[in-house]
Amino acid sequence: MSDERVPSPSNPADDWKMWLVVNPATWLMPILFSLLVLGIAIHFYVFSIPGMGWTLAS
């Protein structure tokens, strides 16, 4: 085994490195669109249950 140690991050000086992986310019819109699709799918499912839509329950 090697005696070399991985240097610990020096926050906040090394915070910019996280944004190389989690870049909002790349991931924000796909995440928001997937949340929109998920929300629409949940609403379609809930409104398909009898008595849960806008029609009056008999």
PDB file of N, CA and C in Angstrom:
ATOM      1  N   MET A   1       0.829  -1.187   0.000  1.00  0.00           N
ATOM      2  CA  MET A   1       0.000   0.000   0.000  1.00  0.00           C
ATOM      3  C   MET A   1       0.871   1.248   0.000  1.00  0.00           C
ATOM      4  N   SER A   2       0.335   2.266  -0.542  1.00  0.00           N
ATOM      5  CA  SER A   2       1.055   3.517  -0.630  1.00  0.00           C
ATOM      6  C   SER A   2       0.784   4.378   0.601  1.00  0.00           C
ATOM      7  N   ASP A   3       1.777   5.171   0.950  1.00  0.00           N
ATOM      8  CA  ASP A   3       1.617   6.075   2.093  1.00  0.00           C
ATOM      9  C   ASP A   3       1.026   7.410   1.686  1.00  0.00           C
ATOM     10  N   GLU A   4       0.717   7.561   0.392  1.00  0.00           N
ATOM     11  CA  GLU A   4       0.141   8.824  -0.076  1.00  0.00           C
ATOM     12  C   GLU A   4      -1.292   8.943   0.406  1.00  0.00           C
ATOM     13  N   ARG A   5      -1.630  10.120   0.856  1.00  0.00           N
ATOM     14  CA  ARG A   5      -2.990  10.369   1.320  1.00  0.00           C
ATOM     15  C   ARG A   5      -3.672  11.349   0.374  1.00  0.00           C
ATOM     16  N   VAL A   6      -4.960  11.159   0.214  1.00  0.00           N
ATOM     17  CA  VAL A   6      -5.744  12.076  -0.609  1.00  0.00           C
ATOM     18  C   VAL A   6      -5.967  13.341   0.203  1.00  0.00           C
ATOM     19  N   PRO A   7      -5.635  14.492  -0.354  1.00  0.00           N
ATOM     20  CA  PRO A   7      -5.812  15.721   0.422  1.00  0.00           C
ATOM     21  C   PRO A   7      -7.297  15.995   0.663  1.00  0.00           C
ATOM     22  N   SER A   8      -7.607  16.408   1.862  1.00  0.00           N
ATOM     23  CA  SER A   8      -8.998  16.732   2.174  1.00  0.00           C
ATOM     24  C   SER A   8      -9.374  18.039   1.499  1.00  0.00           C
ATOM     25  N   PRO A   9     -10.639  18.190   1.150  1.00  0.00           N
ATOM     26  CA  PRO A   9     -11.058  19.424   0.461  1.00  0.00           C
ATOM     27  C   PRO A   9     -10.929  20.639   1.366  1.00  0.00           C
ATOM     28  N   SER A  10     -10.587  21.730   0.763  1.00  0.00           N
ATOM     29  CA  SER A  10     -10.481  22.999   1.483  1.00  0.00           C
ATOM     30  C   SER A  10     -11.709  23.832   1.155  1.00  0.00           C
ATOM     31  N   ASN A  11     -12.776  23.620   1.902  1.00  0.00           N
ATOM     32  CA  ASN A  11     -14.017  24.341   1.640  1.00  0.00           C
ATOM     33  C   ASN A  11     -13.923  25.737   2.222  1.00  0.00           C
ATOM     34  N   PRO A  12     -14.456  26.745   1.632  1.00  0.00           N
ATOM     35  CA  PRO A  12     -15.187  26.786   0.360  1.00  0.00           C
ATOM     36  C   PRO A  12     -14.304  26.976  -0.864  1.00  0.00           C
ATOM     37  N   ALA A  13     -12.989  26.917  -0.709  1.00  0.00           N
ATOM     38  CA  ALA A  13     -12.105  27.149  -1.855  1.00  0.00           C
ATOM     39  C   ALA A  13     -12.259  26.075  -2.926  1.00  0.00           C
ATOM     40  N   ASP A  14     -12.643  24.852  -2.549  1.00  0.00           N
ATOM     41  CA  ASP A  14     -12.786  23.765  -3.519  1.00  0.00           C
ATOM     42  C   ASP A  14     -14.234  23.511  -3.930  1.00  0.00           C
ATOM     43  N   ASP A  15     -15.142  24.388  -3.566  1.00  0.00           N
ATOM     44  CA  ASP A  15     -16.552  24.188  -3.912  1.00  0.00           C
ATOM     45  C   ASP A  15     -16.801  24.212  -5.415  1.00  0.00           C
ATOM     46  N   TRP A  16     -15.978  24.896  -6.158  1.00  0.00           N
ATOM     47  CA  TRP A  16     -16.184  24.978  -7.605  1.00  0.00           C
ATOM     48  C   TRP A  16     -16.068  23.602  -8.261  1.00  0.00           C
ATOM     49  N   LYS A  17     -15.345  22.675  -7.638  1.00  0.00           N
ATOM     50  CA  LYS A  17     -15.162  21.352  -8.234  1.00  0.00           C
ATOM     51  C   LYS A  17     -16.472  20.560  -8.259  1.00  0.00           C
ATOM     52  N   MET A  18     -17.332  20.794  -7.278  1.00  0.00           N
ATOM     53  CA  MET A  18     -18.612  20.093  -7.259  1.00  0.00           C
ATOM     54  C   MET A  18     -19.461  20.495  -8.465  1.00  0.00           C
ATOM     55  N   TRP A  19     -19.394  21.763  -8.859  1.00  0.00           N
ATOM     56  CA  TRP A  19     -20.220  22.234  -9.971  1.00  0.00           C
ATOM     57  C   TRP A  19     -19.735  21.724 -11.316  1.00  0.00           C
ATOM     58  N   LEU A  20     -18.540  21.125 -11.368  1.00  0.00           N
ATOM     59  CA  LEU A  20     -18.110  20.469 -12.597  1.00  0.00           C
ATOM     60  C   LEU A  20     -18.908  19.194 -12.828  1.00  0.00           C
ATOM     61  N   VAL A  21     -19.362  18.569 -11.745  1.00  0.00           N
ATOM     62  CA  VAL A  21     -20.151  17.341 -11.834  1.00  0.00           C
ATOM     63  C   VAL A  21     -21.634  17.668 -11.839  1.00  0.00           C
ATOM     64  N   VAL A  22     -22.078  18.510 -10.910  1.00  0.00           N
ATOM     65  CA  VAL A  22     -23.491  18.873 -10.770  1.00  0.00           C
ATOM     66  C   VAL A  22     -23.651  20.273 -11.349  1.00  0.00           C
ATOM     67  N   ASN A  23     -23.651  20.357 -12.645  1.00  0.00           N
ATOM     68  CA  ASN A  23     -23.735  21.648 -13.314  1.00  0.00           C
ATOM     69  C   ASN A  23     -25.199  21.989 -13.577  1.00  0.00           C
ATOM     70  N   PRO A  24     -25.724  23.055 -12.973  1.00  0.00           N
ATOM     71  CA  PRO A  24     -27.134  23.399 -13.191  1.00  0.00           C
ATOM     72  C   PRO A  24     -27.459  23.692 -14.655  1.00  0.00           C
ATOM     73  N   ALA A  25     -26.504  24.206 -15.399  1.00  0.00           N
ATOM     74  CA  ALA A  25     -26.761  24.499 -16.809  1.00  0.00           C
ATOM     75  C   ALA A  25     -27.020  23.214 -17.586  1.00  0.00           C
ATOM     76  N   THR A  26     -26.513  22.097 -17.101  1.00  0.00           N
ATOM     77  CA  THR A  26     -26.704  20.821 -17.780  1.00  0.00           C
ATOM     78  C   THR A  26     -27.910  20.070 -17.246  1.00  0.00           C
ATOM     79  N   TRP A  27     -28.116  20.056 -15.928  1.00  0.00           N
ATOM     80  CA  TRP A  27     -29.073  19.147 -15.306  1.00  0.00           C
ATOM     81  C   TRP A  27     -30.367  19.795 -14.846  1.00  0.00           C
ATOM     82  N   LEU A  28     -30.428  21.108 -14.704  1.00  0.00           N
ATOM     83  CA  LEU A  28     -31.615  21.740 -14.123  1.00  0.00           C
ATOM     84  C   LEU A  28     -32.859  21.535 -14.983  1.00  0.00           C
ATOM     85  N   MET A  29     -32.793  21.825 -16.269  1.00  0.00           N
ATOM     86  CA  MET A  29     -33.970  21.699 -17.123  1.00  0.00           C
ATOM     87  C   MET A  29     -34.435  20.247 -17.279  1.00  0.00           C
ATOM     88  N   PRO A  30     -33.550  19.271 -17.489  1.00  0.00           N
ATOM     89  CA  PRO A  30     -34.042  17.878 -17.531  1.00  0.00           C
ATOM     90  C   PRO A  30     -34.702  17.436 -16.225  1.00  0.00           C
ATOM     91  N   ILE A  31     -34.168  17.874 -15.091  1.00  0.00           N
ATOM     92  CA  ILE A  31     -34.788  17.521 -13.810  1.00  0.00           C
ATOM     93  C   ILE A  31     -36.161  18.162 -13.697  1.00  0.00           C
ATOM     94  N   LEU A  32     -36.290  19.437 -14.068  1.00  0.00           N
ATOM     95  CA  LEU A  32     -37.585  20.113 -13.985  1.00  0.00           C
ATOM     96  C   LEU A  32     -38.596  19.496 -14.944  1.00  0.00           C
ATOM     97  N   PHE A  33     -38.157  19.126 -16.156  1.00  0.00           N
ATOM     98  CA  PHE A  33     -39.076  18.493 -17.104  1.00  0.00           C
ATOM     99  C   PHE A  33     -39.514  17.116 -16.609  1.00  0.00           C
ATOM    100  N   SER A  34     -38.601  16.366 -15.992  1.00  0.00           N
ATOM    101  CA  SER A  34     -39.000  15.058 -15.469  1.00  0.00           C
ATOM    102  C   SER A  34     -39.961  15.211 -14.299  1.00  0.00           C
ATOM    103  N   LEU A  35     -39.784  16.235 -13.463  1.00  0.00           N
ATOM    104  CA  LEU A  35     -40.744  16.493 -12.391  1.00  0.00           C
ATOM    105  C   LEU A  35     -42.106  16.904 -12.949  1.00  0.00           C
ATOM    106  N   LEU A  36     -42.118  17.667 -14.042  1.00  0.00           N
ATOM    107  CA  LEU A  36     -43.368  18.043 -14.683  1.00  0.00           C
ATOM    108  C   LEU A  36     -44.096  16.808 -15.212  1.00  0.00           C
ATOM    109  N   VAL A  37     -43.367  15.929 -15.892  1.00  0.00           N
ATOM    110  CA  VAL A  37     -43.971  14.695 -16.425  1.00  0.00           C
ATOM    111  C   VAL A  37     -44.482  13.827 -15.285  1.00  0.00           C
ATOM    112  N   LEU A  38     -43.722  13.702 -14.212  1.00  0.00           N
ATOM    113  CA  LEU A  38     -44.152  12.923 -13.060  1.00  0.00           C
ATOM    114  C   LEU A  38     -45.407  13.517 -12.432  1.00  0.00           C
ATOM    115  N   GLY A  39     -45.462  14.827 -12.281  1.00  0.00           N
ATOM    116  CA  GLY A  39     -46.642  15.479 -11.719  1.00  0.00           C
ATOM    117  C   GLY A  39     -47.876  15.297 -12.582  1.00  0.00           C
ATOM    118  N   ILE A  40     -47.721  15.406 -13.891  1.00  0.00           N
ATOM    119  CA  ILE A  40     -48.849  15.205 -14.800  1.00  0.00           C
ATOM    120  C   ILE A  40     -49.328  13.754 -14.737  1.00  0.00           C
ATOM    121  N   ALA A  41     -48.390  12.802 -14.678  1.00  0.00           N
ATOM    122  CA  ALA A  41     -48.766  11.383 -14.596  1.00  0.00           C
ATOM    123  C   ALA A  41     -49.521  11.099 -13.298  1.00  0.00           C
ATOM    124  N   ILE A  42     -49.083  11.665 -12.199  1.00  0.00           N
ATOM    125  CA  ILE A  42     -49.779  11.460 -10.925  1.00  0.00           C
ATOM    126  C   ILE A  42     -51.176  12.060 -10.976  1.00  0.00           C
ATOM    127  N   HIS A  43     -51.316  13.240 -11.569  1.00  0.00           N
ATOM    128  CA  HIS A  43     -52.635  13.859 -11.675  1.00  0.00           C
ATOM    129  C   HIS A  43     -53.565  13.040 -12.562  1.00  0.00           C
ATOM    130  N   PHE A  44     -53.057  12.526 -13.687  1.00  0.00           N
ATOM    131  CA  PHE A  44     -53.894  11.681 -14.542  1.00  0.00           C
ATOM    132  C   PHE A  44     -54.362  10.438 -13.788  1.00  0.00           C
ATOM    133  N   TYR A  45     -53.477   9.850 -12.995  1.00  0.00           N
ATOM    134  CA  TYR A  45     -53.863   8.663 -12.230  1.00  0.00           C
ATOM    135  C   TYR A  45     -54.912   9.008 -11.180  1.00  0.00           C
ATOM    136  N   VAL A  46     -54.691  10.070 -10.435  1.00  0.00           N
ATOM    137  CA  VAL A  46     -55.633  10.428  -9.366  1.00  0.00           C
ATOM    138  C   VAL A  46     -56.987  10.807  -9.946  1.00  0.00           C
ATOM    139  N   PHE A  47     -57.006  11.550 -11.054  1.00  0.00           N
ATOM    140  CA  PHE A  47     -58.285  11.944 -11.653  1.00  0.00           C
ATOM    141  C   PHE A  47     -58.992  10.771 -12.311  1.00  0.00           C
ATOM    142  N   SER A  48     -58.289   9.673 -12.580  1.00  0.00           N
ATOM    143  CA  SER A  48     -58.946   8.506 -13.166  1.00  0.00           C
ATOM    144  C   SER A  48     -59.666   7.665 -12.108  1.00  0.00           C
ATOM    145  N   ILE A  49     -59.385   7.890 -10.848  1.00  0.00           N
ATOM    146  CA  ILE A  49     -60.056   7.156  -9.773  1.00  0.00           C
ATOM    147  C   ILE A  49     -61.482   7.681  -9.661  1.00  0.00           C
ATOM    148  N   PRO A  50     -62.487   6.806  -9.637  1.00  0.00           N
ATOM    149  CA  PRO A  50     -63.879   7.275  -9.547  1.00  0.00           C
ATOM    150  C   PRO A  50     -64.099   8.113  -8.271  1.00  0.00           C
ATOM    151  N   GLY A  51     -64.745   9.242  -8.453  1.00  0.00           N
ATOM    152  CA  GLY A  51     -65.045  10.121  -7.337  1.00  0.00           C
ATOM    153  C   GLY A  51     -63.942  11.106  -7.002  1.00  0.00           C
ATOM    154  N   MET A  52     -62.816  11.035  -7.695  1.00  0.00           N
ATOM    155  CA  MET A  52     -61.693  11.929  -7.386  1.00  0.00           C
ATOM    156  C   MET A  52     -61.545  13.062  -8.400  1.00  0.00           C
ATOM    157  N   GLY A  53     -62.316  13.047  -9.475  1.00  0.00           N
ATOM    158  CA  GLY A  53     -62.196  14.083 -10.491  1.00  0.00           C
ATOM    159  C   GLY A  53     -63.109  15.258 -10.193  1.00  0.00           C
ATOM    160  N   TRP A  54     -63.452  16.013 -11.241  1.00  0.00           N
ATOM    161  CA  TRP A  54     -64.318  17.164 -11.085  1.00  0.00           C
ATOM    162  C   TRP A  54     -65.790  16.840 -11.242  1.00  0.00           C
ATOM    163  N   THR A  55     -66.115  15.580 -11.514  1.00  0.00           N
ATOM    164  CA  THR A  55     -67.527  15.194 -11.636  1.00  0.00           C
ATOM    165  C   THR A  55     -68.097  14.917 -10.255  1.00  0.00           C
ATOM    166  N   LEU A  56     -69.399  15.084 -10.128  1.00  0.00           N
ATOM    167  CA  LEU A  56     -70.051  14.842  -8.853  1.00  0.00           C
ATOM    168  C   LEU A  56     -70.182  13.354  -8.592  1.00  0.00           C
ATOM    169  N   ALA A  57     -69.861  12.957  -7.378  1.00  0.00           N
ATOM    170  CA  ALA A  57     -69.998  11.556  -6.988  1.00  0.00           C
ATOM    171  C   ALA A  57     -71.490  11.254  -6.775  1.00  0.00           C
ATOM    172  N   SER A  58     -71.970  10.156  -7.311  1.00  0.00           N
ATOM    173  CA  SER A  58     -73.388   9.806  -7.175  1.00  0.00           C
ATOM    174  C   SER A  58     -73.657   9.050  -5.907  1.00  0.00           C
TER     175      SER A  58
END
